PDB file of all heavy atoms in Angstrom:
ATOM      1  N   VAL A   1      -9.875  27.023 -29.189  1.00  0.00           N
ATOM      2  CA  VAL A   1      -9.506  26.574 -27.789  1.00  0.00           C
ATOM      3  C   VAL A   1      -9.832  25.097 -27.702  1.00  0.00           C
ATOM      4  O   VAL A   1     -11.016  24.580 -27.946  1.00  0.00           O
ATOM      5  CB  VAL A   1     -10.136  27.359 -26.663  1.00  0.00           C
ATOM      6  CG1 VAL A   1      -9.643  26.782 -25.407  1.00  0.00           C
ATOM      7  CG2 VAL A   1      -9.957  28.798 -26.860  1.00  0.00           C
ATOM      8  N   GLU A   2      -8.867  24.224 -27.390  1.00  0.00           N
ATOM      9  CA  GLU A   2      -8.975  22.756 -27.091  1.00  0.00           C
ATOM     10  C   GLU A   2      -8.797  22.528 -25.589  1.00  0.00           C
ATOM     11  O   GLU A   2      -7.760  23.006 -25.065  1.00  0.00           O
ATOM     12  CB  GLU A   2      -8.083  22.007 -27.973  1.00  0.00           C
ATOM     13  CG  GLU A   2      -8.199  22.255 -29.538  1.00  0.00           C
ATOM     14  CD  GLU A   2      -6.989  21.719 -30.274  1.00  0.00           C
ATOM     15  OE1 GLU A   2      -6.977  20.495 -30.516  1.00  0.00           O
ATOM     16  OE2 GLU A   2      -6.196  22.563 -30.749  1.00  0.00           O
ATOM     17  N   MET A   3      -9.742  21.839 -24.957  1.00  0.00           N
ATOM     18  CA  MET A   3      -9.490  21.513 -23.503  1.00  0.00           C
ATOM     19  C   MET A   3      -9.773  20.115 -23.263  1.00  0.00           C
ATOM     20  O   MET A   3     -10.717  19.469 -23.780  1.00  0.00           O
ATOM     21  CB  MET A   3     -10.586  22.276 -22.832  1.00  0.00           C
ATOM     22  CG  MET A   3     -10.334  23.818 -22.806  1.00  0.00           C
ATOM     23  SD  MET A   3     -11.614  24.682 -21.824  1.00  0.00           S
ATOM     24  CE  MET A   3     -11.147  26.397 -21.883  1.00  0.00           C
ATOM     25  N   ASN A   4      -8.742  19.524 -22.593  1.00  0.00           N
ATOM     26  CA  ASN A   4      -8.961  18.149 -21.998  1.00  0.00           C
ATOM     27  C   ASN A   4      -8.943  18.166 -20.467  1.00  0.00           C
ATOM     28  O   ASN A   4      -8.158  18.578 -19.961  1.00  0.00           O
ATOM     29  CB  ASN A   4      -7.765  17.199 -22.594  1.00  0.00           C
ATOM     30  CG  ASN A   4      -7.867  16.925 -24.022  1.00  0.00           C
ATOM     31  OD1 ASN A   4      -8.893  16.234 -24.509  1.00  0.00           O
ATOM     32  ND2 ASN A   4      -6.868  17.315 -24.814  1.00  0.00           N
ATOM     33  N   ARG A   5      -9.978  17.563 -19.972  1.00  0.00           N
ATOM     34  CA  ARG A   5     -10.263  17.574 -18.546  1.00  0.00           C
ATOM     35  C   ARG A   5      -9.226  16.547 -17.961  1.00  0.00           C
ATOM     36  O   ARG A   5      -9.208  15.469 -18.260  1.00  0.00           O
ATOM     37  CB  ARG A   5     -11.693  17.285 -18.184  1.00  0.00           C
ATOM     38  CG  ARG A   5     -11.948  17.513 -16.612  1.00  0.00           C
ATOM     39  CD  ARG A   5     -13.442  17.342 -16.386  1.00  0.00           C
ATOM     40  NE  ARG A   5     -13.753  17.540 -14.963  1.00  0.00           N
ATOM     41  CZ  ARG A   5     -14.944  17.458 -14.383  1.00  0.00           C
ATOM     42  NH1 ARG A   5     -15.942  17.365 -15.183  1.00  0.00           N
ATOM     43  NH2 ARG A   5     -15.159  17.612 -13.144  1.00  0.00           N
ATOM     44  N   VAL A   6      -8.513  17.014 -16.877  1.00  0.00           N
ATOM     45  CA  VAL A   6      -7.502  16.128 -16.308  1.00  0.00           C
ATOM     46  C   VAL A   6      -7.681  15.991 -14.741  1.00  0.00           C
ATOM     47  O   VAL A   6      -6.849  15.308 -14.193  1.00  0.00           O
ATOM     48  CB  VAL A   6      -6.084  16.765 -16.605  1.00  0.00           C
ATOM     49  CG1 VAL A   6      -5.816  16.652 -18.088  1.00  0.00           C
ATOM     50  CG2 VAL A   6      -5.811  18.149 -15.995  1.00  0.00           C
ATOM     51  N   ASP A   7      -8.668  16.853 -14.223  1.00  0.00           N
ATOM     52  CA  ASP A   7      -8.901  16.639 -12.731  1.00  0.00           C
ATOM     53  C   ASP A   7      -9.114  15.170 -12.269  1.00  0.00           C
ATOM     54  O   ASP A   7      -8.567  14.705 -11.225  1.00  0.00           O
ATOM     55  CB  ASP A   7      -9.832  17.590 -12.291  1.00  0.00           C
ATOM     56  CG  ASP A   7     -11.179  17.545 -13.085  1.00  0.00           C
ATOM     57  OD1 ASP A   7     -11.182  16.821 -14.059  1.00  0.00           O
ATOM     58  OD2 ASP A   7     -12.048  18.386 -12.703  1.00  0.00           O
ATOM     59  N   ARG A   8      -9.861  14.467 -13.112  1.00  0.00           N
ATOM     60  CA  ARG A   8     -10.073  12.924 -12.750  1.00  0.00           C
ATOM     61  C   ARG A   8      -8.875  12.249 -12.645  1.00  0.00           C
ATOM     62  O   ARG A   8      -8.696  11.435 -11.727  1.00  0.00           O
ATOM     63  CB  ARG A   8     -11.113  12.432 -13.703  1.00  0.00           C
ATOM     64  CG  ARG A   8     -11.426  10.960 -13.385  1.00  0.00           C
ATOM     65  CD  ARG A   8     -12.525  10.474 -14.426  1.00  0.00           C
ATOM     66  NE  ARG A   8     -12.822   9.040 -14.040  1.00  0.00           N
ATOM     67  CZ  ARG A   8     -12.148   8.118 -14.648  1.00  0.00           C
ATOM     68  NH1 ARG A   8     -11.145   8.286 -15.601  1.00  0.00           N
ATOM     69  NH2 ARG A   8     -12.435   6.827 -14.409  1.00  0.00           N
ATOM     70  N   HIS A   9      -7.883  12.407 -13.753  1.00  0.00           N
ATOM     71  CA  HIS A   9      -6.707  11.740 -13.811  1.00  0.00           C
ATOM     72  C   HIS A   9      -5.831  12.082 -12.519  1.00  0.00           C
ATOM     73  O   HIS A   9      -5.058  11.412 -11.999  1.00  0.00           O
ATOM     74  CB  HIS A   9      -5.999  11.885 -15.116  1.00  0.00           C
ATOM     75  CG  HIS A   9      -6.835  11.448 -16.201  1.00  0.00           C
ATOM     76  ND1 HIS A   9      -7.180  10.100 -16.489  1.00  0.00           N
ATOM     77  CD2 HIS A   9      -7.324  12.199 -17.278  1.00  0.00           C
ATOM     78  CE1 HIS A   9      -7.901  10.083 -17.617  1.00  0.00           C
ATOM     79  NE2 HIS A   9      -8.075  11.427 -18.196  1.00  0.00           N
ATOM     80  N   LEU A  10      -5.849  13.407 -12.306  1.00  0.00           N
ATOM     81  CA  LEU A  10      -5.008  13.914 -11.092  1.00  0.00           C
ATOM     82  C   LEU A  10      -5.492  13.257  -9.809  1.00  0.00           C
ATOM     83  O   LEU A  10      -4.719  12.976  -9.003  1.00  0.00           O
ATOM     84  CB  LEU A  10      -5.005  15.396 -11.182  1.00  0.00           C
ATOM     85  CG  LEU A  10      -4.326  16.224 -12.299  1.00  0.00           C
ATOM     86  CD1 LEU A  10      -4.622  17.568 -12.129  1.00  0.00           C
ATOM     87  CD2 LEU A  10      -2.854  15.987 -12.310  1.00  0.00           C
ATOM     88  N   ARG A  11      -6.836  13.259  -9.699  1.00  0.00           N
ATOM     89  CA  ARG A  11      -7.378  12.721  -8.539  1.00  0.00           C
ATOM     90  C   ARG A  11      -7.015  11.245  -8.350  1.00  0.00           C
ATOM     91  O   ARG A  11      -6.586  10.843  -7.228  1.00  0.00           O
ATOM     92  CB  ARG A  11      -8.946  12.873  -8.546  1.00  0.00           C
ATOM     93  CG  ARG A  11      -9.636  12.318  -7.223  1.00  0.00           C
ATOM     94  CD  ARG A  11     -11.121  12.342  -7.397  1.00  0.00           C
ATOM     95  NE  ARG A  11     -11.821  11.561  -8.482  1.00  0.00           N
ATOM     96  CZ  ARG A  11     -11.873  10.257  -8.356  1.00  0.00           C
ATOM     97  NH1 ARG A  11     -11.402   9.530  -7.338  1.00  0.00           N
ATOM     98  NH2 ARG A  11     -12.194   9.583  -9.422  1.00  0.00           N
ATOM     99  N   ILE A  12      -7.102  10.479  -9.461  1.00  0.00           N
ATOM    100  CA  ILE A  12      -6.881   9.128  -9.351  1.00  0.00           C
ATOM    101  C   ILE A  12      -5.236   8.905  -8.976  1.00  0.00           C
ATOM    102  O   ILE A  12      -4.986   8.096  -8.200  1.00  0.00           O
ATOM    103  CB  ILE A  12      -7.140   8.352 -10.684  1.00  0.00           C
ATOM    104  CG1 ILE A  12      -8.553   8.247 -10.768  1.00  0.00           C
ATOM    105  CG2 ILE A  12      -6.594   6.990 -10.753  1.00  0.00           C
ATOM    106  CD1 ILE A  12      -9.157   7.717 -12.150  1.00  0.00           C
ATOM    107  N   SER A  13      -4.537   9.668  -9.531  1.00  0.00           N
ATOM    108  CA  SER A  13      -3.017   9.679  -9.254  1.00  0.00           C
ATOM    109  C   SER A  13      -2.802   9.918  -7.901  1.00  0.00           C
ATOM    110  O   SER A  13      -1.918   9.319  -7.186  1.00  0.00           O
ATOM    111  CB  SER A  13      -2.268  10.698 -10.232  1.00  0.00           C
ATOM    112  OG  SER A  13      -0.887  10.529  -9.891  1.00  0.00           O
ATOM    113  N   ARG A  14      -3.464  10.994  -7.348  1.00  0.00           N
ATOM    114  CA  ARG A  14      -3.345  11.387  -5.940  1.00  0.00           C
ATOM    115  C   ARG A  14      -3.787  10.333  -5.013  1.00  0.00           C
ATOM    116  O   ARG A  14      -3.122  10.045  -3.967  1.00  0.00           O
ATOM    117  CB  ARG A  14      -4.062  12.679  -5.657  1.00  0.00           C
ATOM    118  CG  ARG A  14      -3.829  13.192  -4.273  1.00  0.00           C
ATOM    119  CD  ARG A  14      -4.589  14.637  -4.016  1.00  0.00           C
ATOM    120  NE  ARG A  14      -5.987  14.387  -4.198  1.00  0.00           N
ATOM    121  CZ  ARG A  14      -6.825  14.955  -5.082  1.00  0.00           C
ATOM    122  NH1 ARG A  14      -6.323  15.593  -6.111  1.00  0.00           N
ATOM    123  NH2 ARG A  14      -8.124  14.704  -5.188  1.00  0.00           N
ATOM    124  N   GLU A  15      -4.841   9.619  -5.400  1.00  0.00           N
ATOM    125  CA  GLU A  15      -5.429   8.593  -4.546  1.00  0.00           C
ATOM    126  C   GLU A  15      -4.414   7.381  -4.492  1.00  0.00           C
ATOM    127  O   GLU A  15      -4.248   6.778  -3.411  1.00  0.00           O
ATOM    128  CB  GLU A  15      -6.739   8.224  -5.006  1.00  0.00           C
ATOM    129  CG  GLU A  15      -7.881   9.101  -4.783  1.00  0.00           C
ATOM    130  CD  GLU A  15      -9.200   8.783  -5.465  1.00  0.00           C
ATOM    131  OE1 GLU A  15      -9.175   7.725  -6.252  1.00  0.00           O
ATOM    132  OE2 GLU A  15     -10.248   9.380  -5.191  1.00  0.00           O
ATOM    133  N   GLU A  16      -3.940   6.960  -5.678  1.00  0.00           N
ATOM    134  CA  GLU A  16      -2.895   5.961  -5.681  1.00  0.00           C
ATOM    135  C   GLU A  16      -1.737   6.182  -4.723  1.00  0.00           C
ATOM    136  O   GLU A  16      -1.165   5.356  -4.056  1.00  0.00           O
ATOM    137  CB  GLU A  16      -2.595   5.670  -7.172  1.00  0.00           C
ATOM    138  CG  GLU A  16      -3.592   5.137  -7.963  1.00  0.00           C
ATOM    139  CD  GLU A  16      -3.032   5.027  -9.527  1.00  0.00           C
ATOM    140  OE1 GLU A  16      -2.041   5.512  -9.833  1.00  0.00           O
ATOM    141  OE2 GLU A  16      -3.785   4.255 -10.202  1.00  0.00           O
ATOM    142  N   GLY A  17      -1.315   7.542  -4.808  1.00  0.00           N
ATOM    143  CA  GLY A  17      -0.264   7.985  -3.993  1.00  0.00           C
ATOM    144  C   GLY A  17      -0.499   7.743  -2.482  1.00  0.00           C
ATOM    145  O   GLY A  17       0.318   7.374  -1.707  1.00  0.00           O
ATOM    146  N   LEU A  18      -1.718   8.168  -2.161  1.00  0.00           N
ATOM    147  CA  LEU A  18      -2.081   8.001  -0.764  1.00  0.00           C
ATOM    148  C   LEU A  18      -2.234   6.560  -0.346  1.00  0.00           C
ATOM    149  O   LEU A  18      -1.808   6.227   0.803  1.00  0.00           O
ATOM    150  CB  LEU A  18      -3.575   8.616  -0.572  1.00  0.00           C
ATOM    151  CG  LEU A  18      -3.630  10.142  -0.387  1.00  0.00           C
ATOM    152  CD1 LEU A  18      -5.080  10.671  -0.326  1.00  0.00           C
ATOM    153  CD2 LEU A  18      -2.914  10.619   0.880  1.00  0.00           C
ATOM    154  N   ILE A  19      -2.853   5.686  -1.052  1.00  0.00           N
ATOM    155  CA  ILE A  19      -2.886   4.357  -0.847  1.00  0.00           C
ATOM    156  C   ILE A  19      -1.475   3.711  -0.622  1.00  0.00           C
ATOM    157  O   ILE A  19      -1.115   2.920   0.207  1.00  0.00           O
ATOM    158  CB  ILE A  19      -3.675   3.620  -1.884  1.00  0.00           C
ATOM    159  CG1 ILE A  19      -5.190   4.042  -1.811  1.00  0.00           C
ATOM    160  CG2 ILE A  19      -3.528   2.090  -1.610  1.00  0.00           C
ATOM    161  CD1 ILE A  19      -5.958   3.481  -2.998  1.00  0.00           C
ATOM    162  N   GLU A  20      -0.581   4.084  -1.769  1.00  0.00           N
ATOM    163  CA  GLU A  20       0.885   3.572  -1.597  1.00  0.00           C
ATOM    164  C   GLU A  20       1.588   4.071  -0.287  1.00  0.00           C
ATOM    165  O   GLU A  20       2.390   3.344   0.240  1.00  0.00           O
ATOM    166  CB  GLU A  20       1.567   3.903  -2.860  1.00  0.00           C
ATOM    167  CG  GLU A  20       1.090   3.213  -4.170  1.00  0.00           C
ATOM    168  CD  GLU A  20       1.734   3.671  -5.380  1.00  0.00           C
ATOM    169  OE1 GLU A  20       2.608   4.717  -5.318  1.00  0.00           O
ATOM    170  OE2 GLU A  20       1.353   3.243  -6.410  1.00  0.00           O
ATOM    171  N   GLN A  21       1.334   5.332  -0.111  1.00  0.00           N
ATOM    172  CA  GLN A  21       2.008   6.001   1.063  1.00  0.00           C
ATOM    173  C   GLN A  21       1.527   5.160   2.400  1.00  0.00           C
ATOM    174  O   GLN A  21       2.350   4.938   3.111  1.00  0.00           O
ATOM    175  CB  GLN A  21       1.566   7.435   1.220  1.00  0.00           C
ATOM    176  CG  GLN A  21       2.195   8.239   2.315  1.00  0.00           C
ATOM    177  CD  GLN A  21       1.501   9.629   2.550  1.00  0.00           C
ATOM    178  OE1 GLN A  21       0.484   9.844   3.159  1.00  0.00           O
ATOM    179  NE2 GLN A  21       2.114  10.530   1.804  1.00  0.00           N
ATOM    180  N   ASN A  22       0.168   4.979   2.402  1.00  0.00           N
ATOM    181  CA  ASN A  22      -0.250   4.334   3.722  1.00  0.00           C
ATOM    182  C   ASN A  22       0.314   2.920   3.828  1.00  0.00           C
ATOM    183  O   ASN A  22       0.652   2.534   4.847  1.00  0.00           O
ATOM    184  CB  ASN A  22      -1.687   4.221   3.656  1.00  0.00           C
ATOM    185  CG  ASN A  22      -2.408   3.789   4.977  1.00  0.00           C
ATOM    186  OD1 ASN A  22      -2.091   4.400   6.009  1.00  0.00           O
ATOM    187  ND2 ASN A  22      -3.118   2.709   4.897  1.00  0.00           N
ATOM    188  N   THR A  23       0.329   2.127   2.721  1.00  0.00           N
ATOM    189  CA  THR A  23       0.963   0.859   2.663  1.00  0.00           C
ATOM    190  C   THR A  23       2.333   0.835   3.102  1.00  0.00           C
ATOM    191  O   THR A  23       2.964  -0.010   3.867  1.00  0.00           O
ATOM    192  CB  THR A  23       0.810   0.136   1.333  1.00  0.00           C
ATOM    193  OG1 THR A  23      -0.614   0.146   0.981  1.00  0.00           O
ATOM    194  CG2 THR A  23       1.235  -1.254   1.346  1.00  0.00           C
ATOM    195  N   ALA A  24       3.158   1.713   2.485  1.00  0.00           N
ATOM    196  CA  ALA A  24       4.525   1.842   2.824  1.00  0.00           C
ATOM    197  C   ALA A  24       4.852   2.183   4.232  1.00  0.00           C
ATOM    198  O   ALA A  24       5.736   1.762   4.995  1.00  0.00           O
ATOM    199  CB  ALA A  24       5.320   2.814   1.883  1.00  0.00           C
ATOM    200  N   MET A  25       4.044   3.147   4.745  1.00  0.00           N
ATOM    201  CA  MET A  25       4.305   3.571   6.210  1.00  0.00           C
ATOM    202  C   MET A  25       3.939   2.451   7.135  1.00  0.00           C
ATOM    203  O   MET A  25       4.630   2.204   8.197  1.00  0.00           O
ATOM    204  CB  MET A  25       3.429   4.792   6.540  1.00  0.00           C
ATOM    205  CG  MET A  25       3.852   6.084   5.857  1.00  0.00           C
ATOM    206  SD  MET A  25       5.542   6.532   6.447  1.00  0.00           S
ATOM    207  CE  MET A  25       5.500   6.463   8.047  1.00  0.00           C
ATOM    208  N   ARG A  26       2.809   1.697   6.875  1.00  0.00           N
ATOM    209  CA  ARG A  26       2.434   0.517   7.586  1.00  0.00           C
ATOM    210  C   ARG A  26       3.658  -0.466   7.690  1.00  0.00           C
ATOM    211  O   ARG A  26       3.945  -1.071   8.775  1.00  0.00           O
ATOM    212  CB  ARG A  26       1.181  -0.087   7.313  1.00  0.00           C
ATOM    213  CG  ARG A  26      -0.012   0.659   7.683  1.00  0.00           C
ATOM    214  CD  ARG A  26      -1.312   0.197   7.046  1.00  0.00           C
ATOM    215  NE  ARG A  26      -1.644  -1.245   7.652  1.00  0.00           N
ATOM    216  CZ  ARG A  26      -2.089  -1.498   8.753  1.00  0.00           C
ATOM    217  NH1 ARG A  26      -2.544  -0.456   9.506  1.00  0.00           N
ATOM    218  NH2 ARG A  26      -2.355  -2.657   9.138  1.00  0.00           N
ATOM    219  N   GLN A  27       4.196  -0.747   6.424  1.00  0.00           N
ATOM    220  CA  GLN A  27       5.290  -1.765   6.564  1.00  0.00           C
ATOM    221  C   GLN A  27       6.485  -1.181   7.318  1.00  0.00           C
ATOM    222  O   GLN A  27       7.234  -1.823   7.997  1.00  0.00           O
ATOM    223  CB  GLN A  27       5.733  -1.960   5.024  1.00  0.00           C
ATOM    224  CG  GLN A  27       4.640  -2.709   4.317  1.00  0.00           C
ATOM    225  CD  GLN A  27       4.986  -2.899   2.801  1.00  0.00           C
ATOM    226  OE1 GLN A  27       5.783  -2.197   2.272  1.00  0.00           O
ATOM    227  NE2 GLN A  27       4.285  -3.801   2.167  1.00  0.00           N
ATOM    228  N   LEU A  28       6.777   0.055   7.149  1.00  0.00           N
ATOM    229  CA  LEU A  28       7.876   0.748   7.844  1.00  0.00           C
ATOM    230  C   LEU A  28       7.778   0.646   9.391  1.00  0.00           C
ATOM    231  O   LEU A  28       8.587   0.278  10.141  1.00  0.00           O
ATOM    232  CB  LEU A  28       8.142   2.202   7.414  1.00  0.00           C
ATOM    233  CG  LEU A  28       9.199   3.070   8.229  1.00  0.00           C
ATOM    234  CD1 LEU A  28      10.567   2.272   8.107  1.00  0.00           C
ATOM    235  CD2 LEU A  28       9.247   4.420   7.705  1.00  0.00           C
ATOM    236  N   VAL A  29       6.580   1.126   9.781  1.00  0.00           N
ATOM    237  CA  VAL A  29       6.121   1.154  11.211  1.00  0.00           C
ATOM    238  C   VAL A  29       6.231  -0.348  11.730  1.00  0.00           C
ATOM    239  O   VAL A  29       6.689  -0.575  12.897  1.00  0.00           O
ATOM    240  CB  VAL A  29       4.806   1.698  11.426  1.00  0.00           C
ATOM    241  CG1 VAL A  29       4.307   1.542  12.836  1.00  0.00           C
ATOM    242  CG2 VAL A  29       4.832   3.217  11.156  1.00  0.00           C
ATOM    243  N   ARG A  30       5.751  -1.422  11.087  1.00  0.00           N
ATOM    244  CA  ARG A  30       5.757  -2.741  11.556  1.00  0.00           C
ATOM    245  C   ARG A  30       7.255  -3.228  11.752  1.00  0.00           C
ATOM    246  O   ARG A  30       7.608  -3.859  12.697  1.00  0.00           O
ATOM    247  CB  ARG A  30       5.032  -3.792  10.580  1.00  0.00           C
ATOM    248  CG  ARG A  30       3.552  -3.614  10.621  1.00  0.00           C
ATOM    249  CD  ARG A  30       2.881  -4.607   9.857  1.00  0.00           C
ATOM    250  NE  ARG A  30       1.411  -4.290   9.752  1.00  0.00           N
ATOM    251  CZ  ARG A  30       0.479  -4.511  10.901  1.00  0.00           C
ATOM    252  NH1 ARG A  30       0.935  -5.009  11.901  1.00  0.00           N
ATOM    253  NH2 ARG A  30      -0.735  -4.277  10.754  1.00  0.00           N
ATOM    254  N   GLY A  31       8.169  -2.750  10.762  1.00  0.00           N
ATOM    255  CA  GLY A  31       9.480  -3.108  10.985  1.00  0.00           C
ATOM    256  C   GLY A  31      10.237  -2.506  12.255  1.00  0.00           C
ATOM    257  O   GLY A  31      10.829  -3.031  13.059  1.00  0.00           O
ATOM    258  N   LEU A  32       9.837  -1.211  12.373  1.00  0.00           N
ATOM    259  CA  LEU A  32      10.290  -0.391  13.564  1.00  0.00           C
ATOM    260  C   LEU A  32       9.758  -0.999  14.845  1.00  0.00           C
ATOM    261  O   LEU A  32      10.391  -1.014  15.836  1.00  0.00           O
ATOM    262  CB  LEU A  32       9.995   1.045  13.413  1.00  0.00           C
ATOM    263  CG  LEU A  32      10.784   1.912  12.402  1.00  0.00           C
ATOM    264  CD1 LEU A  32      10.270   3.182  12.238  1.00  0.00           C
ATOM    265  CD2 LEU A  32      12.244   1.871  12.873  1.00  0.00           C
ATOM    266  N   ALA A  33       8.399  -1.262  14.794  1.00  0.00           N
ATOM    267  CA  ALA A  33       7.850  -1.799  15.978  1.00  0.00           C
ATOM    268  C   ALA A  33       8.611  -3.069  16.536  1.00  0.00           C
ATOM    269  O   ALA A  33       8.660  -3.241  17.767  1.00  0.00           O
ATOM    270  CB  ALA A  33       6.429  -2.123  15.727  1.00  0.00           C
ATOM    271  N   HIS A  34       8.966  -3.967  15.582  1.00  0.00           N
ATOM    272  CA  HIS A  34       9.629  -5.181  16.046  1.00  0.00           C
ATOM    273  C   HIS A  34      10.844  -4.926  16.679  1.00  0.00           C
ATOM    274  O   HIS A  34      11.208  -5.518  17.691  1.00  0.00           O
ATOM    275  CB  HIS A  34       9.843  -6.135  14.790  1.00  0.00           C
ATOM    276  CG  HIS A  34      10.558  -7.293  15.048  1.00  0.00           C
ATOM    277  ND1 HIS A  34      10.117  -8.413  15.640  1.00  0.00           N
ATOM    278  CD2 HIS A  34      11.843  -7.698  14.765  1.00  0.00           C
ATOM    279  CE1 HIS A  34      10.987  -9.422  15.830  1.00  0.00           C
ATOM    280  NE2 HIS A  34      12.121  -8.925  15.262  1.00  0.00           N
ATOM    281  N   GLU A  35      11.624  -3.854  16.133  1.00  0.00           N
ATOM    282  CA  GLU A  35      13.078  -3.555  16.753  1.00  0.00           C
ATOM    283  C   GLU A  35      12.772  -2.786  18.100  1.00  0.00           C
ATOM    284  O   GLU A  35      13.637  -2.802  18.890  1.00  0.00           O
ATOM    285  CB  GLU A  35      13.609  -2.604  15.690  1.00  0.00           C
ATOM    286  CG  GLU A  35      14.095  -3.336  14.395  1.00  0.00           C
ATOM    287  CD  GLU A  35      14.848  -4.468  14.485  1.00  0.00           C
ATOM    288  OE1 GLU A  35      15.827  -4.322  15.388  1.00  0.00           O
ATOM    289  OE2 GLU A  35      14.749  -5.588  13.788  1.00  0.00           O
ATOM    290  N   ILE A  36      11.785  -2.151  18.157  1.00  0.00           N
ATOM    291  CA  ILE A  36      11.487  -1.395  19.511  1.00  0.00           C
ATOM    292  C   ILE A  36      10.818  -2.181  20.571  1.00  0.00           C
ATOM    293  O   ILE A  36      11.299  -2.290  21.652  1.00  0.00           O
ATOM    294  CB  ILE A  36      10.561  -0.118  19.220  1.00  0.00           C
ATOM    295  CG1 ILE A  36      11.334   0.821  18.268  1.00  0.00           C
ATOM    296  CG2 ILE A  36      10.038   0.477  20.488  1.00  0.00           C
ATOM    297  CD1 ILE A  36      10.416   2.008  17.807  1.00  0.00           C
ATOM    298  N   LYS A  37       9.895  -3.068  20.255  1.00  0.00           N
ATOM    299  CA  LYS A  37       9.122  -3.924  21.184  1.00  0.00           C
ATOM    300  C   LYS A  37      10.014  -4.975  21.941  1.00  0.00           C
ATOM    301  O   LYS A  37       9.809  -5.218  23.075  1.00  0.00           O
ATOM    302  CB  LYS A  37       7.850  -4.470  20.713  1.00  0.00           C
ATOM    303  CG  LYS A  37       6.889  -3.420  20.228  1.00  0.00           C
ATOM    304  CD  LYS A  37       5.660  -4.036  19.596  1.00  0.00           C
ATOM    305  CE  LYS A  37       4.657  -4.812  20.543  1.00  0.00           C
ATOM    306  NZ  LYS A  37       3.471  -5.170  19.817  1.00  0.00           N
ATOM    307  N   ASN A  38      11.055  -5.501  21.121  1.00  0.00           N
ATOM    308  CA  ASN A  38      11.782  -6.627  21.705  1.00  0.00           C
ATOM    309  C   ASN A  38      12.698  -6.012  22.838  1.00  0.00           C
ATOM    310  O   ASN A  38      12.651  -6.599  23.909  1.00  0.00           O
ATOM    311  CB  ASN A  38      12.674  -7.235  20.678  1.00  0.00           C
ATOM    312  CG  ASN A  38      11.956  -8.300  19.752  1.00  0.00           C
ATOM    313  OD1 ASN A  38      10.793  -8.754  20.135  1.00  0.00           O
ATOM    314  ND2 ASN A  38      12.472  -8.625  18.751  1.00  0.00           N
ATOM    315  N   PRO A  39      13.458  -4.892  22.618  1.00  0.00           N
ATOM    316  CA  PRO A  39      14.210  -4.419  23.776  1.00  0.00           C
ATOM    317  C   PRO A  39      13.360  -3.866  24.974  1.00  0.00           C
ATOM    318  O   PRO A  39      13.670  -3.909  26.085  1.00  0.00           O
ATOM    319  CB  PRO A  39      15.077  -3.394  23.165  1.00  0.00           C
ATOM    320  CG  PRO A  39      14.431  -3.004  21.833  1.00  0.00           C
ATOM    321  CD  PRO A  39      13.796  -4.290  21.405  1.00  0.00           C
ATOM    322  N   LEU A  40      12.133  -3.375  24.497  1.00  0.00           N
ATOM    323  CA  LEU A  40      11.228  -2.848  25.530  1.00  0.00           C
ATOM    324  C   LEU A  40      10.811  -3.963  26.463  1.00  0.00           C
ATOM    325  O   LEU A  40      10.707  -3.731  27.699  1.00  0.00           O
ATOM    326  CB  LEU A  40       9.976  -2.228  24.875  1.00  0.00           C
ATOM    327  CG  LEU A  40      10.148  -0.679  24.506  1.00  0.00           C
ATOM    328  CD1 LEU A  40       8.796  -0.242  23.914  1.00  0.00           C
ATOM    329  CD2 LEU A  40      10.433   0.244  25.792  1.00  0.00           C
ATOM    330  N   GLY A  41      10.566  -5.168  25.896  1.00  0.00           N
ATOM    331  CA  GLY A  41      10.047  -6.281  26.706  1.00  0.00           C
ATOM    332  C   GLY A  41      11.237  -6.665  27.670  1.00  0.00           C
ATOM    333  O   GLY A  41      10.972  -7.048  28.867  1.00  0.00           O
ATOM    334  N   GLY A  42      12.420  -6.697  27.124  1.00  0.00           N
ATOM    335  CA  GLY A  42      13.679  -7.078  28.007  1.00  0.00           C
ATOM    336  C   GLY A  42      13.752  -6.028  29.035  1.00  0.00           C
ATOM    337  O   GLY A  42      14.085  -6.467  30.326  1.00  0.00           O
ATOM    338  N   LEU A  43      13.563  -4.766  28.719  1.00  0.00           N
ATOM    339  CA  LEU A  43      13.785  -3.679  29.823  1.00  0.00           C
ATOM    340  C   LEU A  43      12.804  -3.835  30.788  1.00  0.00           C
ATOM    341  O   LEU A  43      13.060  -3.742  32.121  1.00  0.00           O
ATOM    342  CB  LEU A  43      13.642  -2.295  29.050  1.00  0.00           C
ATOM    343  CG  LEU A  43      13.828  -1.158  29.820  1.00  0.00           C
ATOM    344  CD1 LEU A  43      15.316  -0.906  30.256  1.00  0.00           C
ATOM    345  CD2 LEU A  43      13.452   0.163  29.017  1.00  0.00           C
ATOM    346  N   ARG A  44      11.515  -4.006  30.493  1.00  0.00           N
ATOM    347  CA  ARG A  44      10.323  -4.217  31.413  1.00  0.00           C
ATOM    348  C   ARG A  44      10.575  -5.452  32.344  1.00  0.00           C
ATOM    349  O   ARG A  44      10.473  -5.456  33.442  1.00  0.00           O
ATOM    350  CB  ARG A  44       9.136  -4.348  30.655  1.00  0.00           C
ATOM    351  CG  ARG A  44       7.862  -4.281  31.471  1.00  0.00           C
ATOM    352  CD  ARG A  44       6.574  -4.460  30.842  1.00  0.00           C
ATOM    353  NE  ARG A  44       5.420  -4.076  31.545  1.00  0.00           N
ATOM    354  CZ  ARG A  44       4.813  -4.871  32.466  1.00  0.00           C
ATOM    355  NH1 ARG A  44       5.360  -6.006  32.833  1.00  0.00           N
ATOM    356  NH2 ARG A  44       3.734  -4.412  33.059  1.00  0.00           N
ATOM    357  N   GLY A  45      11.067  -6.565  31.715  1.00  0.00           N
ATOM    358  CA  GLY A  45      11.278  -7.766  32.503  1.00  0.00           C
ATOM    359  C   GLY A  45      12.381  -7.594  33.465  1.00  0.00           C
ATOM    360  O   GLY A  45      12.284  -7.979  34.611  1.00  0.00           O
TER     361      GLY A  45
END
């Protein structure tokens, strides 16, 4: 029986995915925020 431990590699891959996901979502939300806040300011005014 030959065994290679892969949980550390899986964890690192999962962590990279979480970091990339968070970065991508922040960029998306910032873009949406700009599109939403401008008309909201006009509506409020």
